[in-house]
Amino acid sequence: MIPTCYLPREATVTMRDLTQHIESNNIQFFKDELPKRHKFIIQPFVIRLMMDMKRYELIDLIIQYVEENNIDLGWKLPQKVIMPGNVSN
């Protein structure tokens, strides 16, 4: 399956490293198959990812990208990613 990633025109250059990472690591994106809690919405682009161990590396990369580029999401990104089935407050 081809990774699906929605990027506005102005974001395509700055997001190149991320998309290369996605493609080179065979990370699969699914268009409409995941519940909302498994979607990471980063304005102005939307990335929906399948959640498993490998893909948490991608989430870290997204968090790093957002922080390094001072992207205002309108909400704060989690500092730590909690594995499914291991949720605690």
N, C-alpha and C. Protein backbone atom coordinates (compact mmCIF):
# COMPACT_ATOMS: atom_id res chain seq x y z
N MET A 1 0.83 -1.19 0.00
CA MET A 1 0.00 0.00 0.00
C MET A 1 0.87 1.25 0.00
N ILE A 2 0.52 2.23 -0.77
CA ILE A 2 1.28 3.47 -0.84
C ILE A 2 0.95 4.32 0.38
N PRO A 3 1.98 4.86 1.05
CA PRO A 3 1.70 5.73 2.20
C PRO A 3 0.83 6.91 1.77
N THR A 4 -0.15 7.26 2.60
CA THR A 4 -1.01 8.38 2.31
C THR A 4 -0.71 9.49 3.29
N CYS A 5 -0.35 10.63 2.77
CA CYS A 5 0.03 11.74 3.62
C CYS A 5 -0.47 13.01 2.96
N TYR A 6 -1.26 13.80 3.68
CA TYR A 6 -1.80 15.01 3.10
C TYR A 6 -0.90 16.19 3.47
N LEU A 7 -0.32 16.81 2.47
CA LEU A 7 0.57 17.94 2.71
C LEU A 7 0.15 19.12 1.83
N PRO A 8 0.07 20.29 2.41
CA PRO A 8 -0.18 21.47 1.59
C PRO A 8 1.07 21.76 0.76
N ARG A 9 0.91 22.47 -0.34
CA ARG A 9 2.04 22.76 -1.22
C ARG A 9 3.21 23.38 -0.47
N GLU A 10 2.95 24.33 0.42
CA GLU A 10 4.03 25.05 1.08
C GLU A 10 4.79 24.17 2.08
N ALA A 11 4.22 23.03 2.43
CA ALA A 11 4.87 22.17 3.42
C ALA A 11 5.71 21.06 2.78
N THR A 12 5.60 20.92 1.45
CA THR A 12 6.24 19.76 0.83
C THR A 12 7.75 19.77 0.97
N VAL A 13 8.38 20.93 0.93
CA VAL A 13 9.83 20.99 1.04
C VAL A 13 10.28 20.74 2.47
N THR A 14 9.67 21.40 3.41
CA THR A 14 10.09 21.25 4.81
C THR A 14 9.75 19.86 5.34
N MET A 15 8.79 19.18 4.73
CA MET A 15 8.41 17.86 5.19
C MET A 15 9.14 16.75 4.45
N ARG A 16 10.11 17.11 3.61
CA ARG A 16 10.78 16.11 2.77
C ARG A 16 11.44 15.01 3.60
N ASP A 17 12.14 15.41 4.66
CA ASP A 17 12.81 14.41 5.50
C ASP A 17 11.81 13.43 6.10
N LEU A 18 10.68 13.96 6.53
CA LEU A 18 9.67 13.10 7.14
C LEU A 18 9.10 12.13 6.12
N THR A 19 8.79 12.62 4.92
CA THR A 19 8.22 11.73 3.92
C THR A 19 9.24 10.70 3.44
N GLN A 20 10.51 11.10 3.37
CA GLN A 20 11.55 10.14 3.03
C GLN A 20 11.64 9.04 4.08
N HIS A 21 11.55 9.45 5.33
CA HIS A 21 11.58 8.48 6.43
C HIS A 21 10.41 7.51 6.31
N ILE A 22 9.24 8.05 6.01
CA ILE A 22 8.04 7.23 5.84
C ILE A 22 8.25 6.20 4.73
N GLU A 23 8.73 6.67 3.58
CA GLU A 23 8.89 5.78 2.44
C GLU A 23 10.00 4.76 2.65
N SER A 24 11.14 5.21 3.17
CA SER A 24 12.28 4.30 3.31
C SER A 24 12.05 3.25 4.38
N ASN A 25 11.17 3.53 5.33
CA ASN A 25 10.88 2.55 6.38
C ASN A 25 9.59 1.79 6.16
N ASN A 26 9.01 1.96 4.94
CA ASN A 26 7.80 1.23 4.60
C ASN A 26 6.66 1.45 5.59
N ILE A 27 6.54 2.65 6.10
CA ILE A 27 5.49 2.94 7.07
C ILE A 27 4.17 3.10 6.32
N GLN A 28 3.15 2.39 6.78
CA GLN A 28 1.88 2.38 6.07
C GLN A 28 0.90 3.37 6.68
N PHE A 29 0.31 4.14 5.81
CA PHE A 29 -0.71 5.10 6.22
C PHE A 29 -2.04 4.66 5.65
N PHE A 30 -3.08 4.78 6.44
CA PHE A 30 -4.39 4.35 5.99
C PHE A 30 -5.34 5.54 5.99
N LYS A 31 -6.11 5.62 4.94
CA LYS A 31 -6.92 6.81 4.72
C LYS A 31 -8.03 6.96 5.75
N ASP A 32 -8.90 5.99 5.87
CA ASP A 32 -10.08 6.18 6.73
C ASP A 32 -10.34 5.00 7.64
N GLU A 33 -9.31 4.26 8.01
CA GLU A 33 -9.55 3.02 8.73
C GLU A 33 -9.32 3.09 10.23
N LEU A 34 -8.86 4.23 10.73
CA LEU A 34 -8.48 4.30 12.14
C LEU A 34 -9.41 5.20 12.95
N PRO A 35 -9.61 4.85 14.21
CA PRO A 35 -10.40 5.73 15.09
C PRO A 35 -9.64 7.03 15.34
N LYS A 36 -10.37 8.06 15.77
CA LYS A 36 -9.77 9.37 15.94
C LYS A 36 -8.59 9.38 16.91
N ARG A 37 -8.64 8.58 17.93
CA ARG A 37 -7.55 8.61 18.92
C ARG A 37 -6.24 8.11 18.34
N HIS A 38 -6.30 7.46 17.17
CA HIS A 38 -5.09 6.98 16.52
C HIS A 38 -4.67 7.86 15.36
N LYS A 39 -5.23 9.07 15.31
CA LYS A 39 -4.84 10.01 14.27
C LYS A 39 -4.06 11.13 14.93
N PHE A 40 -2.97 11.50 14.31
CA PHE A 40 -2.21 12.64 14.79
C PHE A 40 -2.43 13.77 13.82
N ILE A 41 -3.10 14.81 14.28
CA ILE A 41 -3.42 15.92 13.41
C ILE A 41 -2.44 17.04 13.71
N ILE A 42 -1.63 17.37 12.72
CA ILE A 42 -0.67 18.44 12.87
C ILE A 42 -0.96 19.45 11.79
N GLN A 43 -1.47 20.63 12.16
CA GLN A 43 -1.80 21.64 11.18
C GLN A 43 -0.52 22.14 10.54
N PRO A 44 -0.48 22.38 9.25
CA PRO A 44 -1.63 22.30 8.35
C PRO A 44 -1.69 20.98 7.57
N PHE A 45 -1.15 19.93 8.11
CA PHE A 45 -1.25 18.66 7.41
C PHE A 45 -1.77 17.59 8.36
N VAL A 46 -2.30 16.52 7.79
CA VAL A 46 -2.89 15.46 8.59
C VAL A 46 -2.16 14.17 8.29
N ILE A 47 -1.67 13.52 9.34
CA ILE A 47 -1.02 12.23 9.17
C ILE A 47 -1.78 11.22 10.00
N ARG A 48 -2.20 10.16 9.36
CA ARG A 48 -2.93 9.10 10.07
C ARG A 48 -2.07 7.87 10.04
N LEU A 49 -1.70 7.36 11.19
CA LEU A 49 -0.81 6.23 11.17
C LEU A 49 -1.33 5.03 11.94
N MET A 50 -0.87 3.90 11.49
CA MET A 50 -1.19 2.66 12.15
C MET A 50 -0.28 2.54 13.35
N MET A 51 -0.85 2.12 14.49
CA MET A 51 -0.08 2.14 15.71
C MET A 51 0.53 0.77 16.00
N ASP A 52 1.84 0.70 15.94
CA ASP A 52 2.55 -0.44 16.47
C ASP A 52 3.94 0.00 16.87
N MET A 53 4.75 -0.90 17.40
CA MET A 53 6.03 -0.52 17.99
C MET A 53 6.89 0.30 17.05
N LYS A 54 7.09 -0.17 15.83
CA LYS A 54 7.96 0.52 14.88
C LYS A 54 7.52 1.95 14.62
N ARG A 55 6.23 2.15 14.55
CA ARG A 55 5.72 3.44 14.15
C ARG A 55 5.82 4.49 15.25
N TYR A 56 6.12 4.07 16.45
CA TYR A 56 6.33 5.06 17.50
C TYR A 56 7.58 5.90 17.22
N GLU A 57 8.52 5.32 16.48
CA GLU A 57 9.69 6.09 16.05
C GLU A 57 9.25 7.25 15.17
N LEU A 58 8.27 7.01 14.31
CA LEU A 58 7.77 8.06 13.45
C LEU A 58 7.10 9.16 14.26
N ILE A 59 6.34 8.77 15.29
CA ILE A 59 5.69 9.76 16.13
C ILE A 59 6.73 10.64 16.80
N ASP A 60 7.81 10.02 17.29
CA ASP A 60 8.90 10.80 17.88
C ASP A 60 9.47 11.78 16.88
N LEU A 61 9.60 11.33 15.62
CA LEU A 61 10.13 12.18 14.56
C LEU A 61 9.21 13.37 14.30
N ILE A 62 7.90 13.10 14.31
CA ILE A 62 6.92 14.17 14.11
C ILE A 62 7.02 15.18 15.24
N ILE A 63 7.08 14.68 16.48
CA ILE A 63 7.18 15.56 17.64
C ILE A 63 8.44 16.43 17.53
N GLN A 64 9.54 15.79 17.17
CA GLN A 64 10.81 16.49 17.02
C GLN A 64 10.70 17.56 15.93
N TYR A 65 10.09 17.20 14.80
CA TYR A 65 9.93 18.15 13.70
C TYR A 65 9.11 19.36 14.12
N VAL A 66 8.02 19.09 14.82
CA VAL A 66 7.13 20.17 15.26
C VAL A 66 7.85 21.10 16.23
N GLU A 67 8.58 20.52 17.18
CA GLU A 67 9.29 21.32 18.16
C GLU A 67 10.41 22.14 17.52
N GLU A 68 11.20 21.50 16.66
CA GLU A 68 12.33 22.19 16.03
C GLU A 68 11.90 23.33 15.13
N ASN A 69 10.72 23.21 14.54
CA ASN A 69 10.25 24.24 13.62
C ASN A 69 9.22 25.18 14.25
N ASN A 70 9.05 25.07 15.57
CA ASN A 70 8.13 25.93 16.31
C ASN A 70 6.75 26.01 15.65
N ILE A 71 6.23 24.86 15.27
CA ILE A 71 4.90 24.83 14.65
C ILE A 71 3.84 24.93 15.75
N ASP A 72 2.94 25.88 15.57
CA ASP A 72 1.86 26.06 16.55
C ASP A 72 0.69 25.16 16.18
N LEU A 73 0.47 24.15 17.01
CA LEU A 73 -0.60 23.20 16.72
C LEU A 73 -1.93 23.63 17.28
N GLY A 74 -1.89 24.59 18.20
CA GLY A 74 -3.10 24.97 18.91
C GLY A 74 -3.32 24.07 20.12
N TRP A 75 -2.49 23.05 20.27
CA TRP A 75 -2.50 22.18 21.45
C TRP A 75 -1.11 21.61 21.63
N LYS A 76 -0.82 21.14 22.84
CA LYS A 76 0.53 20.69 23.17
C LYS A 76 0.71 19.21 22.82
N LEU A 77 1.84 18.91 22.19
CA LEU A 77 2.14 17.51 21.89
C LEU A 77 2.54 16.77 23.15
N PRO A 78 2.24 15.48 23.24
CA PRO A 78 2.67 14.70 24.39
C PRO A 78 4.18 14.60 24.43
N GLN A 79 4.75 14.63 25.63
CA GLN A 79 6.19 14.49 25.76
C GLN A 79 6.59 13.03 25.65
N LYS A 80 5.68 12.15 26.04
CA LYS A 80 5.96 10.73 26.01
C LYS A 80 4.81 10.01 25.33
N VAL A 81 5.13 9.07 24.49
CA VAL A 81 4.09 8.31 23.81
C VAL A 81 3.75 7.09 24.65
N ILE A 82 2.47 6.90 24.93
CA ILE A 82 2.03 5.77 25.74
C ILE A 82 1.61 4.62 24.83
N MET A 83 2.16 3.47 25.09
CA MET A 83 1.83 2.30 24.28
C MET A 83 0.39 1.87 24.54
N PRO A 84 -0.33 1.44 23.49
CA PRO A 84 -1.69 0.92 23.69
C PRO A 84 -1.68 -0.25 24.65
N GLY A 85 -2.67 -0.30 25.54
CA GLY A 85 -2.74 -1.40 26.50
C GLY A 85 -1.88 -1.14 27.73
N ASN A 86 -1.19 0.00 27.74
CA ASN A 86 -0.32 0.32 28.86
C ASN A 86 -0.57 1.76 29.28
N VAL A 87 -1.84 2.13 29.33
CA VAL A 87 -2.20 3.52 29.59
C VAL A 87 -2.33 3.75 31.10
N SER A 88 -1.65 4.79 31.57
CA SER A 88 -1.77 5.16 32.98
C SER A 88 -1.74 6.67 33.09
N ASN A 89 -2.33 7.21 34.15
CA ASN A 89 -2.36 8.67 34.31
C ASN A 89 -1.19 9.15 35.13
